[in-house]
Structures are given as structure tokens and as C-alpha cells.
């Protein structure tokens, strides 16, 4: 695998196996994560995602996989989805981290807000030691909400799909969100709908009679983010987001190229470190297997 692709994919996929369309039981999701983190593609795996209300259940399930003698390749990192009581959530997180110091660390909180006032409330909640991602709606201009997130010292989160065709935002709205984050220097993550590397039509769920829909590709989204951060205009970014030809992306050790655009390893590394954090997926194997099927592990 080329250096540019490895930089782009490193710890990119947060595992959300508890959530639809997979909706796995806790024990199965935790067992999967333990397998993935120690597997040959574990370097692509980010955090385990769980609701704060299920932390006790998660801790019991993870115990057998995270003791020193189990030989896990690295400490587990966890992102929790907050509830309706920030003070209670923070207390549960702190107590968990004290109990499991060294083997599992909750370092991220994810929540939702639809107004600047709601975002401002999170700035006063005492989450100083956590990365806080605030999911916002992006169908309307997100600039005011992104500005509020910047003032709060938080990070942004956007929903990029779901289990219905209507859940997928337009390319223009995704680009507008990415550009707003870049201009405000706000890091972001994405969630839902990014099971496949390149934009394509795929089934929406794992049910035999599942409908299909055009889905955003995670390579498209994260390359667009890196290029926007490097100065790409919105029109070109929309075209990039809608690129369906895998061969149009040329990954080398010094740069990745798309059409007449070039992005260096340094620009990719800076984007992933400071800006384009991760995406949540209920499947880890599907994105990885698609990369292999497209031959991208050799490019």
C-alpha cells in the first residue's frame, strides 16, 4: 500500500457495530472489535462507539479482551454517545476511566445540537479532557453552528447517510459542511453511510429485500476534506465527491492525484491530524473488503 493511502486510512474507521443497520448485541460487537484491533488491518481501526447508558454492559463484555495477558495490540479507545444529562455522563466517563486506566480509555464524547445556544451549553459542561464532537444538521447553511462549535472549543460531526435514500445529504451540502469546518478550523468526523471507498450504488441494509441507493465514498469524502483544507474550490470538491471511477485516484508515495489536482503526503498527514478525524461505521469488514476488491491495497 502506498504511503499516501496509508496516511489517509490510518485509524480512520470508528466501529459502531451496536448501531443500525448491523445493530449487533454488545458481546458480539466487542468480540469483533477485539478481533479487528489485533488483525492485519487493525491500523485502520479507530474507536469503539457505545452509548454512555451502556458503559457498564460494554465494560463487562470487554473485560476478557483487555486484560494484560490477552495480548491486545494496543489499548482500546472509546467514544461514547452522550445522553440528556451532561453532568451524569461526565461522572460515568470519569469513573470508567479510573477503573480501566491503561487498558481502555474513553477519550471522546459525541452529542447532538441544532442551535448555537445548545452548543454553548456544552462549552460549560466540563469536558476539558475529552474530544467533543457535536452532530449538527447540514441541510441548511451550517456556518453559524460551526462558528458556535469553534467558540466552544469542540469539533463537528455530520451524518453522511443512513438506511433510507433520504438520509444521504447532497454532495453540495457535504462540501459546504467541510468548507465551513475548514474556514473555522474545526475538526470533524462523519457518521453513517460510508461503508464503501468510492461513490457507488449499494444496498442500504443487510436485509435480503433491502433497497439500494447512491452512497458517498469514504475516500471521496476524506480526500475532498483534505483538498478543501489545502484550498480546493467548492465546485471541484463537489466533482471529487461525485467521482465514481476508482482509477481516477492515483495514490503514490509522495502524493495522491485526481484529475489535475495533487495532494502531498504532508497535506494528507496535516488534514488527518488536525481536521478530518474519522467516520463511524457499523461494519469494519465491509470497508476493508471493498478496498481489497478494488485493488487499493496495492496502489
C-alpha atoms as a PDB file:
ATOM      1  CA  UNK A   1       0.000   0.000   0.000  1.00  0.00           C
ATOM      2  CA  UNK A   2       1.305   3.429  -0.881  1.00  0.00           C
ATOM      3  CA  UNK A   3       2.274   5.925   1.795  1.00  0.00           C
ATOM      4  CA  UNK A   4      -0.471   8.387   0.848  1.00  0.00           C
ATOM      5  CA  UNK A   5      -3.218   5.791   1.132  1.00  0.00           C
ATOM      6  CA  UNK A   6      -1.867   4.519   4.440  1.00  0.00           C
ATOM      7  CA  UNK A   7      -1.778   8.071   5.832  1.00  0.00           C
ATOM      8  CA  UNK A   8      -5.338   8.651   4.676  1.00  0.00           C
ATOM      9  CA  UNK A   9      -6.692   5.411   6.165  1.00  0.00           C
ATOM     10  CA  UNK A  10      -4.798   5.202   9.474  1.00  0.00           C
ATOM     11  CA  UNK A  11      -7.294   4.749  12.357  1.00  0.00           C
ATOM     12  CA  UNK A  12      -9.981   6.202  10.093  1.00  0.00           C
ATOM     13  CA  UNK A  13     -12.860   3.821  10.897  1.00  0.00           C
ATOM     14  CA  UNK A  14     -14.623   4.085  14.253  1.00  0.00           C
ATOM     15  CA  UNK A  15     -16.510   0.848  14.889  1.00  0.00           C
ATOM     16  CA  UNK A  16     -20.224   1.328  15.547  1.00  0.00           C
ATOM     17  CA  UNK A  17     -21.388  -2.277  15.385  1.00  0.00           C
ATOM     18  CA  UNK A  18     -24.086  -1.633  18.002  1.00  0.00           C
ATOM     19  CA  UNK A  19     -25.955   0.645  15.616  1.00  0.00           C
ATOM     20  CA  UNK A  20     -28.121   0.033  12.507  1.00  0.00           C
ATOM     21  CA  UNK A  21     -28.034  -1.492  10.074  1.00  0.00           C
ATOM     22  CA  UNK A  22     -25.795  -4.025  11.867  1.00  0.00           C
ATOM     23  CA  UNK A  23     -27.357  -3.483  15.338  1.00  0.00           C
ATOM     24  CA  UNK A  24     -25.268  -6.248  16.930  1.00  0.00           C
ATOM     25  CA  UNK A  25     -25.551  -7.397  20.550  1.00  0.00           C
ATOM     26  CA  UNK A  26     -22.880  -5.872  22.796  1.00  0.00           C
ATOM     27  CA  UNK A  27     -20.976  -9.126  23.279  1.00  0.00           C
ATOM     28  CA  UNK A  28     -20.696  -9.715  19.535  1.00  0.00           C
ATOM     29  CA  UNK A  29     -19.685  -6.142  18.759  1.00  0.00           C
ATOM     30  CA  UNK A  30     -16.989  -6.199  21.440  1.00  0.00           C
ATOM     31  CA  UNK A  31     -15.702  -9.564  20.233  1.00  0.00           C
ATOM     32  CA  UNK A  32     -15.499  -8.188  16.707  1.00  0.00           C
ATOM     33  CA  UNK A  33     -13.560  -5.127  17.852  1.00  0.00           C
ATOM     34  CA  UNK A  34     -11.081  -7.326  19.718  1.00  0.00           C
ATOM     35  CA  UNK A  35     -10.561  -9.354  16.547  1.00  0.00           C
ATOM     36  CA  UNK A  36     -10.202  -6.310  14.309  1.00  0.00           C
ATOM     37  CA  UNK A  37      -7.758  -4.408  16.513  1.00  0.00           C
ATOM     38  CA  UNK A  38      -5.399  -7.385  16.529  1.00  0.00           C
ATOM     39  CA  UNK A  39      -5.874  -8.217  12.842  1.00  0.00           C
ATOM     40  CA  UNK A  40      -3.725  -7.299   9.867  1.00  0.00           C
ATOM     41  CA  UNK A  41      -5.900  -4.261   9.118  1.00  0.00           C
ATOM     42  CA  UNK A  42      -6.111  -3.112  12.732  1.00  0.00           C
ATOM     43  CA  UNK A  43      -4.127   0.003  11.835  1.00  0.00           C
ATOM     44  CA  UNK A  44      -7.256   1.318  10.057  1.00  0.00           C
ATOM     45  CA  UNK A  45      -9.420   0.855  13.157  1.00  0.00           C
ATOM     46  CA  UNK A  46     -10.250   3.798  15.394  1.00  0.00           C
ATOM     47  CA  UNK A  47     -12.509   3.873  18.432  1.00  0.00           C
ATOM     48  CA  UNK A  48     -15.292   1.617  19.679  1.00  0.00           C
ATOM     49  CA  UNK A  49     -18.553   3.584  19.871  1.00  0.00           C
ATOM     50  CA  UNK A  50     -21.115   2.958  22.602  1.00  0.00           C
ATOM     51  CA  UNK A  51     -23.914   4.953  24.233  1.00  0.00           C
ATOM     52  CA  UNK A  52     -22.943   6.217  27.682  1.00  0.00           C
ATOM     53  CA  UNK A  53     -26.011   4.393  29.030  1.00  0.00           C
ATOM     54  CA  UNK A  54     -24.418   1.060  28.036  1.00  0.00           C
ATOM     55  CA  UNK A  55     -20.981   1.644  29.539  1.00  0.00           C
ATOM     56  CA  UNK A  56     -21.443  -0.955  32.270  1.00  0.00           C
ATOM     57  CA  UNK A  57     -22.514  -3.539  29.699  1.00  0.00           C
ATOM     58  CA  UNK A  58     -19.564  -2.616  27.493  1.00  0.00           C
ATOM     59  CA  UNK A  59     -17.117  -2.888  30.381  1.00  0.00           C
ATOM     60  CA  UNK A  60     -18.309  -6.383  31.305  1.00  0.00           C
ATOM     61  CA  UNK A  61     -18.084  -7.551  27.687  1.00  0.00           C
ATOM     62  CA  UNK A  62     -14.622  -6.027  27.116  1.00  0.00           C
ATOM     63  CA  UNK A  63     -13.041  -7.362  30.310  1.00  0.00           C
ATOM     64  CA  UNK A  64     -11.817 -10.673  28.881  1.00  0.00           C
ATOM     65  CA  UNK A  65     -10.196  -8.945  25.883  1.00  0.00           C
ATOM     66  CA  UNK A  66      -8.410  -6.066  27.597  1.00  0.00           C
ATOM     67  CA  UNK A  67      -6.514  -7.650  30.491  1.00  0.00           C
ATOM     68  CA  UNK A  68      -2.673  -7.538  30.232  1.00  0.00           C
ATOM     69  CA  UNK A  69      -2.414 -11.269  29.494  1.00  0.00           C
ATOM     70  CA  UNK A  70      -4.723 -11.077  26.460  1.00  0.00           C
ATOM     71  CA  UNK A  71      -2.010  -9.503  24.302  1.00  0.00           C
ATOM     72  CA  UNK A  72      -4.114  -6.794  22.659  1.00  0.00           C
ATOM     73  CA  UNK A  73      -2.000  -4.915  20.125  1.00  0.00           C
ATOM     74  CA  UNK A  74      -2.822  -1.568  21.728  1.00  0.00           C
ATOM     75  CA  UNK A  75      -5.028  -0.009  24.361  1.00  0.00           C
ATOM     76  CA  UNK A  76      -8.648   0.372  23.340  1.00  0.00           C
ATOM     77  CA  UNK A  77     -10.023   3.873  22.790  1.00  0.00           C
ATOM     78  CA  UNK A  78     -13.721   4.519  23.182  1.00  0.00           C
ATOM     79  CA  UNK A  79     -16.129   7.205  22.050  1.00  0.00           C
ATOM     80  CA  UNK A  80     -19.387   7.495  23.972  1.00  0.00           C
ATOM     81  CA  UNK A  81     -22.669   8.915  22.747  1.00  0.00           C
ATOM     82  CA  UNK A  82     -23.959  11.239  25.435  1.00  0.00           C
ATOM     83  CA  UNK A  83     -27.429  11.259  26.957  1.00  0.00           C
ATOM     84  CA  UNK A  84     -29.579  14.061  28.305  1.00  0.00           C
ATOM     85  CA  UNK A  85     -27.608  14.762  31.500  1.00  0.00           C
ATOM     86  CA  UNK A  86     -24.065  16.069  30.778  1.00  0.00           C
ATOM     87  CA  UNK A  87     -23.047  16.049  34.455  1.00  0.00           C
ATOM     88  CA  UNK A  88     -24.124  12.433  34.869  1.00  0.00           C
ATOM     89  CA  UNK A  89     -22.408  11.453  31.602  1.00  0.00           C
ATOM     90  CA  UNK A  90     -19.160  13.071  32.680  1.00  0.00           C
ATOM     91  CA  UNK A  91     -19.260  11.326  36.059  1.00  0.00           C
ATOM     92  CA  UNK A  92     -19.798   7.937  34.396  1.00  0.00           C
ATOM     93  CA  UNK A  93     -16.910   8.576  31.983  1.00  0.00           C
ATOM     94  CA  UNK A  94     -14.521   9.666  34.720  1.00  0.00           C
ATOM     95  CA  UNK A  95     -15.345   6.670  36.890  1.00  0.00           C
ATOM     96  CA  UNK A  96     -14.906   4.303  33.949  1.00  0.00           C
ATOM     97  CA  UNK A  97     -11.514   5.776  33.051  1.00  0.00           C
ATOM     98  CA  UNK A  98     -10.336   5.485  36.656  1.00  0.00           C
ATOM     99  CA  UNK A  99     -11.322   1.812  36.777  1.00  0.00           C
ATOM    100  CA  UNK A 100      -9.860   0.845  33.420  1.00  0.00           C
ATOM    101  CA  UNK A 101      -6.777   3.084  33.217  1.00  0.00           C
ATOM    102  CA  UNK A 102      -4.152   1.573  30.910  1.00  0.00           C
ATOM    103  CA  UNK A 103      -6.371  -0.906  29.056  1.00  0.00           C
ATOM    104  CA  UNK A 104      -9.374   1.115  27.846  1.00  0.00           C
ATOM    105  CA  UNK A 105      -9.659   4.889  27.632  1.00  0.00           C
ATOM    106  CA  UNK A 106     -12.740   6.951  26.866  1.00  0.00           C
ATOM    107  CA  UNK A 107     -11.282   9.997  25.148  1.00  0.00           C
ATOM    108  CA  UNK A 108     -14.208  11.150  23.022  1.00  0.00           C
ATOM    109  CA  UNK A 109     -17.807  12.230  23.567  1.00  0.00           C
ATOM    110  CA  UNK A 110     -20.364  12.580  20.772  1.00  0.00           C
ATOM    111  CA  UNK A 111     -23.594  14.509  21.114  1.00  0.00           C
ATOM    112  CA  UNK A 112     -26.118  16.487  19.054  1.00  0.00           C
ATOM    113  CA  UNK A 113     -27.219  20.093  18.833  1.00  0.00           C
ATOM    114  CA  UNK A 114     -29.319  22.128  16.442  1.00  0.00           C
ATOM    115  CA  UNK A 115     -28.860  25.655  17.827  1.00  0.00           C
ATOM    116  CA  UNK A 116     -25.955  27.846  18.892  1.00  0.00           C
ATOM    117  CA  UNK A 117     -27.382  28.012  22.427  1.00  0.00           C
ATOM    118  CA  UNK A 118     -27.347  24.217  22.716  1.00  0.00           C
ATOM    119  CA  UNK A 119     -23.738  24.184  21.522  1.00  0.00           C
ATOM    120  CA  UNK A 120     -22.795  26.879  24.032  1.00  0.00           C
ATOM    121  CA  UNK A 121     -24.138  24.704  26.848  1.00  0.00           C
ATOM    122  CA  UNK A 122     -21.575  22.011  26.038  1.00  0.00           C
ATOM    123  CA  UNK A 123     -18.770  24.545  26.422  1.00  0.00           C
ATOM    124  CA  UNK A 124     -19.758  24.873  30.082  1.00  0.00           C
ATOM    125  CA  UNK A 125     -20.166  21.160  30.794  1.00  0.00           C
ATOM    126  CA  UNK A 126     -16.607  20.430  31.966  1.00  0.00           C
ATOM    127  CA  UNK A 127     -15.467  18.116  29.162  1.00  0.00           C
ATOM    128  CA  UNK A 128     -11.971  19.610  29.070  1.00  0.00           C
ATOM    129  CA  UNK A 129     -10.151  16.247  28.833  1.00  0.00           C
ATOM    130  CA  UNK A 130     -12.396  14.842  26.119  1.00  0.00           C
ATOM    131  CA  UNK A 131     -12.657  15.489  22.401  1.00  0.00           C
ATOM    132  CA  UNK A 132     -16.288  16.545  21.961  1.00  0.00           C
ATOM    133  CA  UNK A 133     -17.983  16.053  18.595  1.00  0.00           C
ATOM    134  CA  UNK A 134     -21.301  17.823  18.132  1.00  0.00           C
ATOM    135  CA  UNK A 135     -23.523  16.454  15.376  1.00  0.00           C
ATOM    136  CA  UNK A 136     -25.373  19.215  13.576  1.00  0.00           C
ATOM    137  CA  UNK A 137     -27.878  19.280  10.715  1.00  0.00           C
ATOM    138  CA  UNK A 138     -26.318  20.211   7.379  1.00  0.00           C
ATOM    139  CA  UNK A 139     -29.346  20.584   5.093  1.00  0.00           C
ATOM    140  CA  UNK A 140     -29.253  24.324   5.833  1.00  0.00           C
ATOM    141  CA  UNK A 141     -26.149  26.528   5.919  1.00  0.00           C
ATOM    142  CA  UNK A 142     -24.064  25.149   8.834  1.00  0.00           C
ATOM    143  CA  UNK A 143     -21.713  28.142   9.133  1.00  0.00           C
ATOM    144  CA  UNK A 144     -23.419  29.658  12.221  1.00  0.00           C
ATOM    145  CA  UNK A 145     -23.389  26.330  14.050  1.00  0.00           C
ATOM    146  CA  UNK A 146     -19.784  25.613  13.030  1.00  0.00           C
ATOM    147  CA  UNK A 147     -18.813  29.070  14.336  1.00  0.00           C
ATOM    148  CA  UNK A 148     -20.505  28.233  17.649  1.00  0.00           C
ATOM    149  CA  UNK A 149     -18.648  24.911  17.779  1.00  0.00           C
ATOM    150  CA  UNK A 150     -15.374  26.764  17.212  1.00  0.00           C
ATOM    151  CA  UNK A 151     -16.159  29.152  20.083  1.00  0.00           C
ATOM    152  CA  UNK A 152     -16.957  26.182  22.311  1.00  0.00           C
ATOM    153  CA  UNK A 153     -13.626  24.523  21.509  1.00  0.00           C
ATOM    154  CA  UNK A 154     -15.452  21.453  20.226  1.00  0.00           C
ATOM    155  CA  UNK A 155     -15.496  19.503  16.975  1.00  0.00           C
ATOM    156  CA  UNK A 156     -18.212  18.970  14.369  1.00  0.00           C
ATOM    157  CA  UNK A 157     -19.967  15.842  13.232  1.00  0.00           C
ATOM    158  CA  UNK A 158     -22.134  15.305  10.150  1.00  0.00           C
ATOM    159  CA  UNK A 159     -24.420  12.482   9.139  1.00  0.00           C
ATOM    160  CA  UNK A 160     -23.471  11.259   5.672  1.00  0.00           C
ATOM    161  CA  UNK A 161     -26.089   8.556   5.173  1.00  0.00           C
ATOM    162  CA  UNK A 162     -28.441   6.100   6.785  1.00  0.00           C
ATOM    163  CA  UNK A 163     -30.847   3.281   5.990  1.00  0.00           C
ATOM    164  CA  UNK A 164     -33.091   5.301   3.646  1.00  0.00           C
ATOM    165  CA  UNK A 165     -32.160   7.185   0.449  1.00  0.00           C
ATOM    166  CA  UNK A 166     -33.357  10.438   2.020  1.00  0.00           C
ATOM    167  CA  UNK A 167     -30.746  10.113   4.768  1.00  0.00           C
ATOM    168  CA  UNK A 168     -27.910  10.832   2.324  1.00  0.00           C
ATOM    169  CA  UNK A 169     -27.064  14.537   2.046  1.00  0.00           C
ATOM    170  CA  UNK A 170     -26.309  16.077  -1.312  1.00  0.00           C
ATOM    171  CA  UNK A 171     -22.713  16.482  -2.392  1.00  0.00           C
ATOM    172  CA  UNK A 172     -23.165  20.252  -2.268  1.00  0.00           C
ATOM    173  CA  UNK A 173     -24.280  20.103   1.372  1.00  0.00           C
ATOM    174  CA  UNK A 174     -21.384  17.842   2.355  1.00  0.00           C
ATOM    175  CA  UNK A 175     -18.895  20.160   0.652  1.00  0.00           C
ATOM    176  CA  UNK A 176     -20.463  23.188   2.310  1.00  0.00           C
ATOM    177  CA  UNK A 177     -20.079  21.495   5.710  1.00  0.00           C
ATOM    178  CA  UNK A 178     -16.449  20.592   5.012  1.00  0.00           C
ATOM    179  CA  UNK A 179     -15.664  24.107   3.807  1.00  0.00           C
ATOM    180  CA  UNK A 180     -17.303  25.660   6.884  1.00  0.00           C
ATOM    181  CA  UNK A 181     -15.233  23.409   9.140  1.00  0.00           C
ATOM    182  CA  UNK A 182     -12.050  24.242   7.247  1.00  0.00           C
ATOM    183  CA  UNK A 183     -12.614  28.001   7.336  1.00  0.00           C
ATOM    184  CA  UNK A 184     -13.349  27.891  11.076  1.00  0.00           C
ATOM    185  CA  UNK A 185     -10.501  25.449  11.776  1.00  0.00           C
ATOM    186  CA  UNK A 186     -12.902  22.975  13.319  1.00  0.00           C
ATOM    187  CA  UNK A 187     -12.073  19.271  13.138  1.00  0.00           C
ATOM    188  CA  UNK A 188     -14.871  16.939  12.101  1.00  0.00           C
ATOM    189  CA  UNK A 189     -15.980  13.353  11.871  1.00  0.00           C
ATOM    190  CA  UNK A 190     -18.674  11.743   9.733  1.00  0.00           C
ATOM    191  CA  UNK A 191     -21.155   9.044  10.565  1.00  0.00           C
ATOM    192  CA  UNK A 192     -23.355   6.598   8.664  1.00  0.00           C
ATOM    193  CA  UNK A 193     -23.445   5.656   5.013  1.00  0.00           C
ATOM    194  CA  UNK A 194     -19.709   5.458   4.365  1.00  0.00           C
ATOM    195  CA  UNK A 195     -19.313   1.695   4.032  1.00  0.00           C
ATOM    196  CA  UNK A 196     -17.688   1.857   0.606  1.00  0.00           C
ATOM    197  CA  UNK A 197     -14.461   3.524  -0.573  1.00  0.00           C
ATOM    198  CA  UNK A 198     -15.763   5.187  -3.733  1.00  0.00           C
ATOM    199  CA  UNK A 199     -19.161   6.667  -4.582  1.00  0.00           C
ATOM    200  CA  UNK A 200     -21.445   3.903  -5.836  1.00  0.00           C
ATOM    201  CA  UNK A 201     -24.911   2.340  -5.640  1.00  0.00           C
ATOM    202  CA  UNK A 202     -25.218  -0.158  -2.794  1.00  0.00           C
ATOM    203  CA  UNK A 203     -27.798  -1.846  -0.601  1.00  0.00           C
ATOM    204  CA  UNK A 204     -28.957   0.234   2.359  1.00  0.00           C
ATOM    205  CA  UNK A 205     -29.255  -2.610   4.881  1.00  0.00           C
ATOM    206  CA  UNK A 206     -28.285  -6.263   5.216  1.00  0.00           C
ATOM    207  CA  UNK A 207     -31.849  -7.486   4.739  1.00  0.00           C
ATOM    208  CA  UNK A 208     -32.461  -9.693   1.658  1.00  0.00           C
ATOM    209  CA  UNK A 209     -35.073  -7.274   0.303  1.00  0.00           C
ATOM    210  CA  UNK A 210     -33.085  -4.134   1.042  1.00  0.00           C
ATOM    211  CA  UNK A 211     -33.443  -1.181  -1.278  1.00  0.00           C
ATOM    212  CA  UNK A 212     -30.341   0.324  -2.872  1.00  0.00           C
ATOM    213  CA  UNK A 213     -29.162   3.907  -3.141  1.00  0.00           C
ATOM    214  CA  UNK A 214     -26.263   6.014  -4.342  1.00  0.00           C
ATOM    215  CA  UNK A 215     -23.832   6.359  -1.426  1.00  0.00           C
ATOM    216  CA  UNK A 216     -20.911   8.673  -0.746  1.00  0.00           C
ATOM    217  CA  UNK A 217     -17.492   7.001  -0.733  1.00  0.00           C
ATOM    218  CA  UNK A 218     -15.246   7.472   2.276  1.00  0.00           C
ATOM    219  CA  UNK A 219     -12.227   8.049   0.043  1.00  0.00           C
ATOM    220  CA  UNK A 220     -14.185  10.745  -1.795  1.00  0.00           C
ATOM    221  CA  UNK A 221     -15.232  12.450   1.438  1.00  0.00           C
ATOM    222  CA  UNK A 222     -11.868  12.418   3.176  1.00  0.00           C
ATOM    223  CA  UNK A 223      -9.883  13.332   0.095  1.00  0.00           C
ATOM    224  CA  UNK A 224     -12.323  16.190  -0.503  1.00  0.00           C
ATOM    225  CA  UNK A 225     -11.786  17.314   3.087  1.00  0.00           C
ATOM    226  CA  UNK A 226      -8.012  17.278   2.708  1.00  0.00           C
ATOM    227  CA  UNK A 227      -8.159  19.097  -0.632  1.00  0.00           C
ATOM    228  CA  UNK A 228     -10.609  21.704   0.678  1.00  0.00           C
ATOM    229  CA  UNK A 229      -8.270  22.341   3.593  1.00  0.00           C
ATOM    230  CA  UNK A 230      -5.475  22.801   1.032  1.00  0.00           C
ATOM    231  CA  UNK A 231      -7.522  25.361  -0.942  1.00  0.00           C
ATOM    232  CA  UNK A 232      -9.703  23.451  -3.421  1.00  0.00           C
ATOM    233  CA  UNK A 233     -12.798  25.382  -4.529  1.00  0.00           C
ATOM    234  CA  UNK A 234     -16.326  24.138  -3.878  1.00  0.00           C
ATOM    235  CA  UNK A 235     -17.102  23.298  -7.497  1.00  0.00           C
ATOM    236  CA  UNK A 236     -14.107  20.990  -7.851  1.00  0.00           C
ATOM    237  CA  UNK A 237     -14.795  19.477  -4.425  1.00  0.00           C
ATOM    238  CA  UNK A 238     -18.341  18.561  -5.461  1.00  0.00           C
ATOM    239  CA  UNK A 239     -16.978  16.870  -8.606  1.00  0.00           C
ATOM    240  CA  UNK A 240     -14.461  14.992  -6.464  1.00  0.00           C
ATOM    241  CA  UNK A 241     -17.205  13.880  -4.088  1.00  0.00           C
ATOM    242  CA  UNK A 242     -19.173  12.556  -7.056  1.00  0.00           C
ATOM    243  CA  UNK A 243     -16.249  10.723  -8.677  1.00  0.00           C
ATOM    244  CA  UNK A 244     -17.210   7.083  -9.302  1.00  0.00           C
ATOM    245  CA  UNK A 245     -14.096   5.908 -11.149  1.00  0.00           C
ATOM    246  CA  UNK A 246     -11.593   4.365  -8.732  1.00  0.00           C
ATOM    247  CA  UNK A 247      -8.856   4.672 -11.377  1.00  0.00           C
ATOM    248  CA  UNK A 248      -9.242   8.453 -11.292  1.00  0.00           C
ATOM    249  CA  UNK A 249      -7.491   8.444  -7.913  1.00  0.00           C
ATOM    250  CA  UNK A 250      -3.762   7.868  -8.301  1.00  0.00           C
ATOM    251  CA  UNK A 251      -2.076   7.101  -4.997  1.00  0.00           C
ATOM    252  CA  UNK A 252       1.709   7.378  -4.846  1.00  0.00           C
ATOM    253  CA  UNK A 253       4.244   7.506  -2.054  1.00  0.00           C
ATOM    254  CA  UNK A 254       4.745  11.273  -2.343  1.00  0.00           C
ATOM    255  CA  UNK A 255       1.271  12.449  -3.388  1.00  0.00           C
ATOM    256  CA  UNK A 256      -2.234  11.476  -4.462  1.00  0.00           C
ATOM    257  CA  UNK A 257      -3.552  12.855  -7.728  1.00  0.00           C
ATOM    258  CA  UNK A 258      -7.070  13.331  -9.036  1.00  0.00           C
ATOM    259  CA  UNK A 259      -7.530  14.879 -12.477  1.00  0.00           C
ATOM    260  CA  UNK A 260      -5.218  17.914 -12.441  1.00  0.00           C
ATOM    261  CA  UNK A 261      -5.095  18.191  -8.647  1.00  0.00           C
ATOM    262  CA  UNK A 262      -2.242  16.990  -6.448  1.00  0.00           C
ATOM    263  CA  UNK A 263      -2.186  16.481  -2.677  1.00  0.00           C
ATOM    264  CA  UNK A 264       1.116  15.769  -0.924  1.00  0.00           C
ATOM    265  CA  UNK A 265       1.774  13.367   1.914  1.00  0.00           C
ATOM    266  CA  UNK A 266       2.393  16.343   4.179  1.00  0.00           C
ATOM    267  CA  UNK A 267      -1.016  17.810   3.310  1.00  0.00           C
ATOM    268  CA  UNK A 268      -2.731  14.476   3.905  1.00  0.00           C
ATOM    269  CA  UNK A 269      -0.985  13.982   7.239  1.00  0.00           C
ATOM    270  CA  UNK A 270      -1.876  17.501   8.376  1.00  0.00           C
ATOM    271  CA  UNK A 271      -5.514  17.027   7.359  1.00  0.00           C
ATOM    272  CA  UNK A 272      -5.854  13.739   9.202  1.00  0.00           C
ATOM    273  CA  UNK A 273      -4.075  15.026  12.321  1.00  0.00           C
ATOM    274  CA  UNK A 274      -5.823  18.378  12.641  1.00  0.00           C
ATOM    275  CA  UNK A 275      -9.013  18.254  10.613  1.00  0.00           C
ATOM    276  CA  UNK A 276     -10.503  15.066   9.137  1.00  0.00           C
ATOM    277  CA  UNK A 277     -10.689  12.765  12.136  1.00  0.00           C
ATOM    278  CA  UNK A 278     -12.714   9.627  11.388  1.00  0.00           C
ATOM    279  CA  UNK A 279     -16.001   8.159  10.286  1.00  0.00           C
ATOM    280  CA  UNK A 280     -18.294   5.852  12.203  1.00  0.00           C
ATOM    281  CA  UNK A 281     -19.343   2.612  10.533  1.00  0.00           C
ATOM    282  CA  UNK A 282     -21.422  -0.294  11.822  1.00  0.00           C
ATOM    283  CA  UNK A 283     -19.140  -2.534   9.738  1.00  0.00           C
ATOM    284  CA  UNK A 284     -15.355  -2.652   9.716  1.00  0.00           C
ATOM    285  CA  UNK A 285     -15.035  -5.618   7.372  1.00  0.00           C
ATOM    286  CA  UNK A 286     -17.136  -4.108   4.582  1.00  0.00           C
ATOM    287  CA  UNK A 287     -14.922  -1.030   4.015  1.00  0.00           C
ATOM    288  CA  UNK A 288     -11.768  -3.150   4.280  1.00  0.00           C
ATOM    289  CA  UNK A 289     -13.038  -5.852   1.923  1.00  0.00           C
ATOM    290  CA  UNK A 290     -14.136  -3.229  -0.598  1.00  0.00           C
ATOM    291  CA  UNK A 291     -10.657  -1.698  -0.553  1.00  0.00           C
ATOM    292  CA  UNK A 292      -9.239  -5.113  -1.348  1.00  0.00           C
ATOM    293  CA  UNK A 293     -11.804  -5.802  -4.057  1.00  0.00           C
ATOM    294  CA  UNK A 294     -10.849  -2.520  -5.741  1.00  0.00           C
ATOM    295  CA  UNK A 295      -7.169  -3.419  -5.543  1.00  0.00           C
ATOM    296  CA  UNK A 296      -6.372  -0.349  -3.483  1.00  0.00           C
ATOM    297  CA  UNK A 297      -4.126  -2.198  -1.055  1.00  0.00           C
ATOM    298  CA  UNK A 298      -1.625  -2.436  -3.896  1.00  0.00           C
ATOM    299  CA  UNK A 299      -1.817   1.215  -5.013  1.00  0.00           C
END
